[in-house]
Amino acid sequence: MVKQKVTLPFNTYCQNCNGTGAYSGGAEMEHQAVKCYTCNGTGYVTEIELDVFVNKRHLPLKITEVILERLKEVDVDGKVIRTVRSVSSDIFLEM
């Protein structure tokens, strides 16, 4: 995956510490945290690293169908019948 650093014209929450300024990882005990190395404890950043979009990511294996739109719902003798336009997940990834 290709990453690219982007400088923002505003402050945004640090994704590493969720804006708290303190990070708790695998080396810290359950009740401990360390000053976040990404934002230096401020809780915000102005530069983030993003994945460059190349193509759609794969869907989870359990997804086999993607509904493109719900066409209509018709009430027939007390039963609601829904009609949809859908494609297989393989076709969707090629769209």
PDB file of N, CA and C in Angstrom:
ATOM      1  N   MET A   1       0.831  -1.170   0.000  1.00  0.00           N
ATOM      2  CA  MET A   1       0.000   0.000   0.000  1.00  0.00           C
ATOM      3  C   MET A   1       0.885   1.247   0.000  1.00  0.00           C
ATOM      4  N   VAL A   2       0.531   2.195  -0.791  1.00  0.00           N
ATOM      5  CA  VAL A   2       1.291   3.439  -0.897  1.00  0.00           C
ATOM      6  C   VAL A   2       0.696   4.460   0.060  1.00  0.00           C
ATOM      7  N   LYS A   3       1.543   5.086   0.864  1.00  0.00           N
ATOM      8  CA  LYS A   3       1.104   6.105   1.823  1.00  0.00           C
ATOM      9  C   LYS A   3       1.583   7.470   1.350  1.00  0.00           C
ATOM     10  N   GLN A   4       0.811   8.492   1.686  1.00  0.00           N
ATOM     11  CA  GLN A   4       1.177   9.852   1.326  1.00  0.00           C
ATOM     12  C   GLN A   4       0.873  10.774   2.501  1.00  0.00           C
ATOM     13  N   LYS A   5       1.811  11.625   2.869  1.00  0.00           N
ATOM     14  CA  LYS A   5       1.579  12.601   3.938  1.00  0.00           C
ATOM     15  C   LYS A   5       0.842  13.792   3.364  1.00  0.00           C
ATOM     16  N   VAL A   6      -0.162  14.251   4.112  1.00  0.00           N
ATOM     17  CA  VAL A   6      -0.979  15.376   3.686  1.00  0.00           C
ATOM     18  C   VAL A   6      -0.986  16.412   4.817  1.00  0.00           C
ATOM     19  N   THR A   7      -0.674  17.649   4.495  1.00  0.00           N
ATOM     20  CA  THR A   7      -0.744  18.736   5.472  1.00  0.00           C
ATOM     21  C   THR A   7      -2.121  19.370   5.386  1.00  0.00           C
ATOM     22  N   LEU A   8      -2.796  19.437   6.520  1.00  0.00           N
ATOM     23  CA  LEU A   8      -4.159  19.965   6.569  1.00  0.00           C
ATOM     24  C   LEU A   8      -4.132  21.454   6.911  1.00  0.00           C
ATOM     25  N   PRO A   9      -5.109  22.212   6.427  1.00  0.00           N
ATOM     26  CA  PRO A   9      -5.178  23.640   6.765  1.00  0.00           C
ATOM     27  C   PRO A   9      -5.862  23.877   8.114  1.00  0.00           C
ATOM     28  N   PHE A  10      -6.053  22.808   8.905  1.00  0.00           N
ATOM     29  CA  PHE A  10      -6.726  22.897  10.201  1.00  0.00           C
ATOM     30  C   PHE A  10      -6.201  21.780  11.096  1.00  0.00           C
ATOM     31  N   ASN A  11      -6.527  21.854  12.374  1.00  0.00           N
ATOM     32  CA  ASN A  11      -6.160  20.810  13.317  1.00  0.00           C
ATOM     33  C   ASN A  11      -7.209  19.702  13.287  1.00  0.00           C
ATOM     34  N   THR A  12      -6.771  18.455  13.428  1.00  0.00           N
ATOM     35  CA  THR A  12      -7.689  17.333  13.525  1.00  0.00           C
ATOM     36  C   THR A  12      -7.225  16.433  14.656  1.00  0.00           C
ATOM     37  N   TYR A  13      -8.143  15.658  15.212  1.00  0.00           N
ATOM     38  CA  TYR A  13      -7.798  14.758  16.307  1.00  0.00           C
ATOM     39  C   TYR A  13      -6.714  13.785  15.884  1.00  0.00           C
ATOM     40  N   CYS A  14      -5.775  13.547  16.751  1.00  0.00           N
ATOM     41  CA  CYS A  14      -4.721  12.572  16.508  1.00  0.00           C
ATOM     42  C   CYS A  14      -5.344  11.180  16.491  1.00  0.00           C
ATOM     43  N   GLN A  15      -5.099  10.443  15.434  1.00  0.00           N
ATOM     44  CA  GLN A  15      -5.682   9.107  15.303  1.00  0.00           C
ATOM     45  C   GLN A  15      -4.986   8.095  16.206  1.00  0.00           C
ATOM     46  N   ASN A  16      -3.768   8.371  16.593  1.00  0.00           N
ATOM     47  CA  ASN A  16      -3.014   7.431  17.417  1.00  0.00           C
ATOM     48  C   ASN A  16      -3.530   7.398  18.858  1.00  0.00           C
ATOM     49  N   CYS A  17      -3.862   8.567  19.421  1.00  0.00           N
ATOM     50  CA  CYS A  17      -4.316   8.641  20.817  1.00  0.00           C
ATOM     51  C   CYS A  17      -5.786   9.032  20.940  1.00  0.00           C
ATOM     52  N   ASN A  18      -6.491   9.150  19.825  1.00  0.00           N
ATOM     53  CA  ASN A  18      -7.900   9.562  19.793  1.00  0.00           C
ATOM     54  C   ASN A  18      -8.125  10.944  20.407  1.00  0.00           C
ATOM     55  N   GLY A  19      -7.124  11.808  20.268  1.00  0.00           N
ATOM     56  CA  GLY A  19      -7.273  13.178  20.724  1.00  0.00           C
ATOM     57  C   GLY A  19      -7.021  13.393  22.207  1.00  0.00           C
ATOM     58  N   THR A  20      -6.560  12.373  22.928  1.00  0.00           N
ATOM     59  CA  THR A  20      -6.324  12.515  24.368  1.00  0.00           C
ATOM     60  C   THR A  20      -4.934  13.041  24.680  1.00  0.00           C
ATOM     61  N   GLY A  21      -3.990  12.871  23.772  1.00  0.00           N
ATOM     62  CA  GLY A  21      -2.611  13.251  24.030  1.00  0.00           C
ATOM     63  C   GLY A  21      -1.812  12.169  24.731  1.00  0.00           C
ATOM     64  N   ALA A  22      -2.490  11.124  25.195  1.00  0.00           N
ATOM     65  CA  ALA A  22      -1.830  10.016  25.888  1.00  0.00           C
ATOM     66  C   ALA A  22      -2.180   8.706  25.194  1.00  0.00           C
ATOM     67  N   TYR A  23      -1.178   7.858  25.038  1.00  0.00           N
ATOM     68  CA  TYR A  23      -1.335   6.607  24.303  1.00  0.00           C
ATOM     69  C   TYR A  23      -1.067   5.432  25.234  1.00  0.00           C
ATOM     70  N   SER A  24      -1.906   4.419  25.176  1.00  0.00           N
ATOM     71  CA  SER A  24      -1.698   3.203  25.960  1.00  0.00           C
ATOM     72  C   SER A  24      -1.589   2.038  24.999  1.00  0.00           C
ATOM     73  N   GLY A  25      -0.409   1.464  24.926  1.00  0.00           N
ATOM     74  CA  GLY A  25      -0.162   0.356  24.001  1.00  0.00           C
ATOM     75  C   GLY A  25       0.164  -0.927  24.739  1.00  0.00           C
ATOM     76  N   GLY A  26       0.822  -1.818  24.046  1.00  0.00           N
ATOM     77  CA  GLY A  26       1.135  -3.125  24.602  1.00  0.00           C
ATOM     78  C   GLY A  26       2.175  -3.106  25.703  1.00  0.00           C
ATOM     79  N   ALA A  27       3.066  -2.121  25.722  1.00  0.00           N
ATOM     80  CA  ALA A  27       4.130  -2.071  26.725  1.00  0.00           C
ATOM     81  C   ALA A  27       3.662  -1.471  28.043  1.00  0.00           C
ATOM     82  N   GLU A  28       2.565  -0.712  28.025  1.00  0.00           N
ATOM     83  CA  GLU A  28       2.079  -0.067  29.236  1.00  0.00           C
ATOM     84  C   GLU A  28       1.146  -1.008  29.994  1.00  0.00           C
ATOM     85  N   MET A  29       1.150  -0.854  31.328  1.00  0.00           N
ATOM     86  CA  MET A  29       0.212  -1.624  32.146  1.00  0.00           C
ATOM     87  C   MET A  29      -1.187  -1.062  31.915  1.00  0.00           C
ATOM     88  N   GLU A  30      -2.189  -1.803  32.340  1.00  0.00           N
ATOM     89  CA  GLU A  30      -3.582  -1.449  32.073  1.00  0.00           C
ATOM     90  C   GLU A  30      -3.942  -0.035  32.538  1.00  0.00           C
ATOM     91  N   HIS A  31      -3.348   0.436  33.629  1.00  0.00           N
ATOM     92  CA  HIS A  31      -3.680   1.740  34.195  1.00  0.00           C
ATOM     93  C   HIS A  31      -2.693   2.828  33.776  1.00  0.00           C
ATOM     94  N   GLN A  32      -1.813   2.538  32.815  1.00  0.00           N
ATOM     95  CA  GLN A  32      -0.785   3.495  32.427  1.00  0.00           C
ATOM     96  C   GLN A  32      -0.960   3.962  30.988  1.00  0.00           C
ATOM     97  N   ALA A  33      -0.400   5.120  30.715  1.00  0.00           N
ATOM     98  CA  ALA A  33      -0.324   5.648  29.350  1.00  0.00           C
ATOM     99  C   ALA A  33       0.958   6.465  29.250  1.00  0.00           C
ATOM    100  N   VAL A  34       1.385   6.704  28.042  1.00  0.00           N
ATOM    101  CA  VAL A  34       2.554   7.549  27.801  1.00  0.00           C
ATOM    102  C   VAL A  34       2.131   8.712  26.909  1.00  0.00           C
ATOM    103  N   LYS A  35       2.920   9.780  26.949  1.00  0.00           N
ATOM    104  CA  LYS A  35       2.636  10.916  26.075  1.00  0.00           C
ATOM    105  C   LYS A  35       2.699  10.434  24.628  1.00  0.00           C
ATOM    106  N   CYS A  36       1.689  10.771  23.851  1.00  0.00           N
ATOM    107  CA  CYS A  36       1.601  10.308  22.470  1.00  0.00           C
ATOM    108  C   CYS A  36       2.769  10.849  21.654  1.00  0.00           C
ATOM    109  N   TYR A  37       3.443   9.953  20.961  1.00  0.00           N
ATOM    110  CA  TYR A  37       4.591  10.349  20.139  1.00  0.00           C
ATOM    111  C   TYR A  37       4.161  10.970  18.814  1.00  0.00           C
ATOM    112  N   THR A  38       2.943  10.723  18.384  1.00  0.00           N
ATOM    113  CA  THR A  38       2.475  11.267  17.106  1.00  0.00           C
ATOM    114  C   THR A  38       2.153  12.760  17.218  1.00  0.00           C
ATOM    115  N   CYS A  39       1.432  13.136  18.270  1.00  0.00           N
ATOM    116  CA  CYS A  39       1.018  14.535  18.436  1.00  0.00           C
ATOM    117  C   CYS A  39       1.812  15.254  19.526  1.00  0.00           C
ATOM    118  N   ASN A  40       2.755  14.568  20.123  1.00  0.00           N
ATOM    119  CA  ASN A  40       3.582  15.118  21.204  1.00  0.00           C
ATOM    120  C   ASN A  40       2.734  15.581  22.386  1.00  0.00           C
ATOM    121  N   GLY A  41       1.631  14.872  22.634  1.00  0.00           N
ATOM    122  CA  GLY A  41       0.782  15.157  23.787  1.00  0.00           C
ATOM    123  C   GLY A  41      -0.265  16.222  23.594  1.00  0.00           C
ATOM    124  N   THR A  42      -0.347  16.804  22.408  1.00  0.00           N
ATOM    125  CA  THR A  42      -1.315  17.890  22.177  1.00  0.00           C
ATOM    126  C   THR A  42      -2.730  17.378  21.917  1.00  0.00           C
ATOM    127  N   GLY A  43      -2.857  16.157  21.400  1.00  0.00           N
ATOM    128  CA  GLY A  43      -4.173  15.618  21.051  1.00  0.00           C
ATOM    129  C   GLY A  43      -4.602  15.947  19.632  1.00  0.00           C
ATOM    130  N   TYR A  44      -3.842  16.795  18.946  1.00  0.00           N
ATOM    131  CA  TYR A  44      -4.200  17.144  17.575  1.00  0.00           C
ATOM    132  C   TYR A  44      -2.978  17.074  16.666  1.00  0.00           C
ATOM    133  N   VAL A  45      -3.243  16.953  15.375  1.00  0.00           N
ATOM    134  CA  VAL A  45      -2.191  16.963  14.355  1.00  0.00           C
ATOM    135  C   VAL A  45      -2.644  17.842  13.197  1.00  0.00           C
ATOM    136  N   THR A  46      -1.684  18.317  12.408  1.00  0.00           N
ATOM    137  CA  THR A  46      -2.013  19.071  11.199  1.00  0.00           C
ATOM    138  C   THR A  46      -1.492  18.345   9.966  1.00  0.00           C
ATOM    139  N   GLU A  47      -0.813  17.219  10.193  1.00  0.00           N
ATOM    140  CA  GLU A  47      -0.305  16.412   9.082  1.00  0.00           C
ATOM    141  C   GLU A  47      -0.697  14.969   9.346  1.00  0.00           C
ATOM    142  N   ILE A  48      -1.315  14.340   8.358  1.00  0.00           N
ATOM    143  CA  ILE A  48      -1.717  12.941   8.506  1.00  0.00           C
ATOM    144  C   ILE A  48      -1.177  12.133   7.334  1.00  0.00           C
ATOM    145  N   GLU A  49      -1.071  10.840   7.547  1.00  0.00           N
ATOM    146  CA  GLU A  49      -0.608   9.941   6.504  1.00  0.00           C
ATOM    147  C   GLU A  49      -1.809   9.137   6.020  1.00  0.00           C
ATOM    148  N   LEU A  50      -2.057   9.210   4.733  1.00  0.00           N
ATOM    149  CA  LEU A  50      -3.218   8.544   4.147  1.00  0.00           C
ATOM    150  C   LEU A  50      -2.777   7.485   3.144  1.00  0.00           C
ATOM    151  N   ASP A  51      -3.624   6.471   2.974  1.00  0.00           N
ATOM    152  CA  ASP A  51      -3.407   5.481   1.931  1.00  0.00           C
ATOM    153  C   ASP A  51      -3.844   6.077   0.604  1.00  0.00           C
ATOM    154  N   VAL A  52      -3.008   5.966  -0.410  1.00  0.00           N
ATOM    155  CA  VAL A  52      -3.360   6.443  -1.740  1.00  0.00           C
ATOM    156  C   VAL A  52      -4.356   5.458  -2.337  1.00  0.00           C
ATOM    157  N   PHE A  53      -5.462   5.966  -2.861  1.00  0.00           N
ATOM    158  CA  PHE A  53      -6.488   5.094  -3.430  1.00  0.00           C
ATOM    159  C   PHE A  53      -6.004   4.502  -4.746  1.00  0.00           C
ATOM    160  N   VAL A  54      -6.033   3.177  -4.827  1.00  0.00           N
ATOM    161  CA  VAL A  54      -5.660   2.482  -6.055  1.00  0.00           C
ATOM    162  C   VAL A  54      -6.895   1.814  -6.644  1.00  0.00           C
ATOM    163  N   ASN A  55      -7.606   1.071  -5.826  1.00  0.00           N
ATOM    164  CA  ASN A  55      -8.872   0.462  -6.226  1.00  0.00           C
ATOM    165  C   ASN A  55      -9.652   0.077  -4.979  1.00  0.00           C
ATOM    166  N   LYS A  56     -10.871  -0.373  -5.158  1.00  0.00           N
ATOM    167  CA  LYS A  56     -11.701  -0.751  -4.020  1.00  0.00           C
ATOM    168  C   LYS A  56     -11.048  -1.877  -3.240  1.00  0.00           C
ATOM    169  N   ARG A  57     -11.259  -1.857  -1.937  1.00  0.00           N
ATOM    170  CA  ARG A  57     -10.780  -2.950  -1.095  1.00  0.00           C
ATOM    171  C   ARG A  57     -11.742  -4.119  -1.225  1.00  0.00           C
ATOM    172  N   HIS A  58     -11.245  -5.310  -0.919  1.00  0.00           N
ATOM    173  CA  HIS A  58     -12.084  -6.505  -1.004  1.00  0.00           C
ATOM    174  C   HIS A  58     -13.140  -6.496   0.087  1.00  0.00           C
ATOM    175  N   LEU A  59     -14.306  -6.984  -0.259  1.00  0.00           N
ATOM    176  CA  LEU A  59     -15.384  -7.119   0.711  1.00  0.00           C
ATOM    177  C   LEU A  59     -15.128  -8.348   1.573  1.00  0.00           C
ATOM    178  N   PRO A  60     -15.684  -8.395   2.784  1.00  0.00           N
ATOM    179  CA  PRO A  60     -15.571  -9.613   3.582  1.00  0.00           C
ATOM    180  C   PRO A  60     -16.173 -10.802   2.833  1.00  0.00           C
ATOM    181  N   LEU A  61     -15.630 -11.993   3.059  1.00  0.00           N
ATOM    182  CA  LEU A  61     -16.080 -13.178   2.325  1.00  0.00           C
ATOM    183  C   LEU A  61     -17.565 -13.458   2.490  1.00  0.00           C
ATOM    184  N   LYS A  62     -18.142 -13.079   3.639  1.00  0.00           N
ATOM    185  CA  LYS A  62     -19.560 -13.366   3.865  1.00  0.00           C
ATOM    186  C   LYS A  62     -20.486 -12.527   2.981  1.00  0.00           C
ATOM    187  N   ILE A  63     -19.992 -11.431   2.406  1.00  0.00           N
ATOM    188  CA  ILE A  63     -20.804 -10.575   1.525  1.00  0.00           C
ATOM    189  C   ILE A  63     -20.772 -11.170   0.121  1.00  0.00           C
ATOM    190  N   THR A  64     -21.920 -11.572  -0.377  1.00  0.00           N
ATOM    191  CA  THR A  64     -21.996 -12.157  -1.711  1.00  0.00           C
ATOM    192  C   THR A  64     -22.834 -11.320  -2.673  1.00  0.00           C
ATOM    193  N   GLU A  65     -23.577 -10.347  -2.134  1.00  0.00           N
ATOM    194  CA  GLU A  65     -24.462  -9.537  -2.963  1.00  0.00           C
ATOM    195  C   GLU A  65     -24.436  -8.103  -2.470  1.00  0.00           C
ATOM    196  N   VAL A  66     -24.451  -7.150  -3.404  1.00  0.00           N
ATOM    197  CA  VAL A  66     -24.477  -5.734  -3.052  1.00  0.00           C
ATOM    198  C   VAL A  66     -25.734  -5.125  -3.660  1.00  0.00           C
ATOM    199  N   ILE A  67     -26.565  -4.538  -2.802  1.00  0.00           N
ATOM    200  CA  ILE A  67     -27.793  -3.894  -3.263  1.00  0.00           C
ATOM    201  C   ILE A  67     -27.435  -2.500  -3.756  1.00  0.00           C
ATOM    202  N   LEU A  68     -27.723  -2.235  -5.006  1.00  0.00           N
ATOM    203  CA  LEU A  68     -27.419  -0.936  -5.600  1.00  0.00           C
ATOM    204  C   LEU A  68     -28.498   0.092  -5.305  1.00  0.00           C
ATOM    205  N   GLU A  69     -29.750  -0.350  -5.302  1.00  0.00           N
ATOM    206  CA  GLU A  69     -30.844   0.553  -4.945  1.00  0.00           C
ATOM    207  C   GLU A  69     -32.089  -0.242  -4.616  1.00  0.00           C
ATOM    208  N   ARG A  70     -32.895   0.323  -3.743  1.00  0.00           N
ATOM    209  CA  ARG A  70     -34.193  -0.272  -3.413  1.00  0.00           C
ATOM    210  C   ARG A  70     -35.213   0.377  -4.349  1.00  0.00           C
ATOM    211  N   LEU A  71     -35.891  -0.439  -5.123  1.00  0.00           N
ATOM    212  CA  LEU A  71     -36.778   0.104  -6.137  1.00  0.00           C
ATOM    213  C   LEU A  71     -38.141   0.475  -5.579  1.00  0.00           C
ATOM    214  N   LYS A  72     -38.826  -0.478  -4.944  1.00  0.00           N
ATOM    215  CA  LYS A  72     -40.109  -0.132  -4.346  1.00  0.00           C
ATOM    216  C   LYS A  72     -40.540  -1.201  -3.363  1.00  0.00           C
ATOM    217  N   GLU A  73     -41.443  -0.786  -2.512  1.00  0.00           N
ATOM    218  CA  GLU A  73     -42.054  -1.712  -1.579  1.00  0.00           C
ATOM    219  C   GLU A  73     -43.539  -1.748  -1.897  1.00  0.00           C
ATOM    220  N   VAL A  74     -44.057  -2.937  -2.089  1.00  0.00           N
ATOM    221  CA  VAL A  74     -45.459  -3.103  -2.445  1.00  0.00           C
ATOM    222  C   VAL A  74     -46.129  -3.941  -1.377  1.00  0.00           C
ATOM    223  N   ASP A  75     -47.282  -3.490  -0.904  1.00  0.00           N
ATOM    224  CA  ASP A  75     -48.043  -4.235   0.096  1.00  0.00           C
ATOM    225  C   ASP A  75     -49.048  -5.113  -0.636  1.00  0.00           C
ATOM    226  N   VAL A  76     -48.841  -6.422  -0.599  1.00  0.00           N
ATOM    227  CA  VAL A  76     -49.738  -7.361  -1.257  1.00  0.00           C
ATOM    228  C   VAL A  76     -50.359  -8.254  -0.191  1.00  0.00           C
ATOM    229  N   ASP A  77     -51.661  -8.108   0.005  1.00  0.00           N
ATOM    230  CA  ASP A  77     -52.384  -8.906   0.998  1.00  0.00           C
ATOM    231  C   ASP A  77     -51.706  -8.899   2.364  1.00  0.00           C
ATOM    232  N   GLY A  78     -51.274  -7.740   2.808  1.00  0.00           N
ATOM    233  CA  GLY A  78     -50.662  -7.618   4.122  1.00  0.00           C
ATOM    234  C   GLY A  78     -49.187  -7.959   4.179  1.00  0.00           C
ATOM    235  N   LYS A  79     -48.613  -8.413   3.065  1.00  0.00           N
ATOM    236  CA  LYS A  79     -47.185  -8.714   3.034  1.00  0.00           C
ATOM    237  C   LYS A  79     -46.465  -7.637   2.239  1.00  0.00           C
ATOM    238  N   VAL A  80     -45.349  -7.185   2.783  1.00  0.00           N
ATOM    239  CA  VAL A  80     -44.556  -6.170   2.092  1.00  0.00           C
ATOM    240  C   VAL A  80     -43.544  -6.890   1.213  1.00  0.00           C
ATOM    241  N   ILE A  81     -43.602  -6.599  -0.076  1.00  0.00           N
ATOM    242  CA  ILE A  81     -42.658  -7.182  -1.025  1.00  0.00           C
ATOM    243  C   ILE A  81     -41.695  -6.078  -1.448  1.00  0.00           C
ATOM    244  N   ARG A  82     -40.413  -6.323  -1.244  1.00  0.00           N
ATOM    245  CA  ARG A  82     -39.402  -5.330  -1.587  1.00  0.00           C
ATOM    246  C   ARG A  82     -38.698  -5.757  -2.869  1.00  0.00           C
ATOM    247  N   THR A  83     -38.542  -4.819  -3.761  1.00  0.00           N
ATOM    248  CA  THR A  83     -37.787  -5.106  -4.980  1.00  0.00           C
ATOM    249  C   THR A  83     -36.511  -4.277  -4.954  1.00  0.00           C
ATOM    250  N   VAL A  84     -35.443  -4.920  -5.361  1.00  0.00           N
ATOM    251  CA  VAL A  84     -34.144  -4.251  -5.348  1.00  0.00           C
ATOM    252  C   VAL A  84     -33.400  -4.539  -6.633  1.00  0.00           C
ATOM    253  N   ARG A  85     -32.417  -3.708  -6.915  1.00  0.00           N
ATOM    254  CA  ARG A  85     -31.489  -3.963  -8.012  1.00  0.00           C
ATOM    255  C   ARG A  85     -30.159  -4.267  -7.352  1.00  0.00           C
ATOM    256  N   SER A  86     -29.622  -5.460  -7.617  1.00  0.00           N
ATOM    257  CA  SER A  86     -28.385  -5.860  -6.961  1.00  0.00           C
ATOM    258  C   SER A  86     -27.469  -6.589  -7.936  1.00  0.00           C
ATOM    259  N   VAL A  87     -26.219  -6.737  -7.517  1.00  0.00           N
ATOM    260  CA  VAL A  87     -25.218  -7.463  -8.301  1.00  0.00           C
ATOM    261  C   VAL A  87     -24.408  -8.318  -7.329  1.00  0.00           C
ATOM    262  N   SER A  88     -23.706  -9.292  -7.874  1.00  0.00           N
ATOM    263  CA  SER A  88     -22.829 -10.101  -7.043  1.00  0.00           C
ATOM    264  C   SER A  88     -21.665  -9.235  -6.557  1.00  0.00           C
ATOM    265  N   SER A  89     -21.066  -9.634  -5.450  1.00  0.00           N
ATOM    266  CA  SER A  89     -19.963  -8.848  -4.906  1.00  0.00           C
ATOM    267  C   SER A  89     -18.771  -8.808  -5.869  1.00  0.00           C
ATOM    268  N   ASP A  90     -18.554  -9.861  -6.651  1.00  0.00           N
ATOM    269  CA  ASP A  90     -17.466  -9.863  -7.624  1.00  0.00           C
ATOM    270  C   ASP A  90     -17.684  -8.801  -8.698  1.00  0.00           C
ATOM    271  N   ILE A  91     -18.900  -8.706  -9.196  1.00  0.00           N
ATOM    272  CA  ILE A  91     -19.220  -7.709 -10.214  1.00  0.00           C
ATOM    273  C   ILE A  91     -19.118  -6.313  -9.633  1.00  0.00           C
ATOM    274  N   PHE A  92     -19.567  -6.145  -8.394  1.00  0.00           N
ATOM    275  CA  PHE A  92     -19.516  -4.839  -7.751  1.00  0.00           C
ATOM    276  C   PHE A  92     -18.077  -4.319  -7.663  1.00  0.00           C
ATOM    277  N   LEU A  93     -17.141  -5.185  -7.318  1.00  0.00           N
ATOM    278  CA  LEU A  93     -15.752  -4.747  -7.200  1.00  0.00           C
ATOM    279  C   LEU A  93     -15.153  -4.335  -8.535  1.00  0.00           C
ATOM    280  N   GLU A  94     -15.715  -4.828  -9.627  1.00  0.00           N
ATOM    281  CA  GLU A  94     -15.236  -4.464 -10.965  1.00  0.00           C
ATOM    282  C   GLU A  94     -15.881  -3.185 -11.486  1.00  0.00           C
ATOM    283  N   MET A  95     -16.939  -2.721 -10.826  1.00  0.00           N
ATOM    284  CA  MET A  95     -17.672  -1.525 -11.290  1.00  0.00           C
ATOM    285  C   MET A  95     -16.855  -0.277 -11.058  1.00  0.00           C
TER     286      MET A  95
END
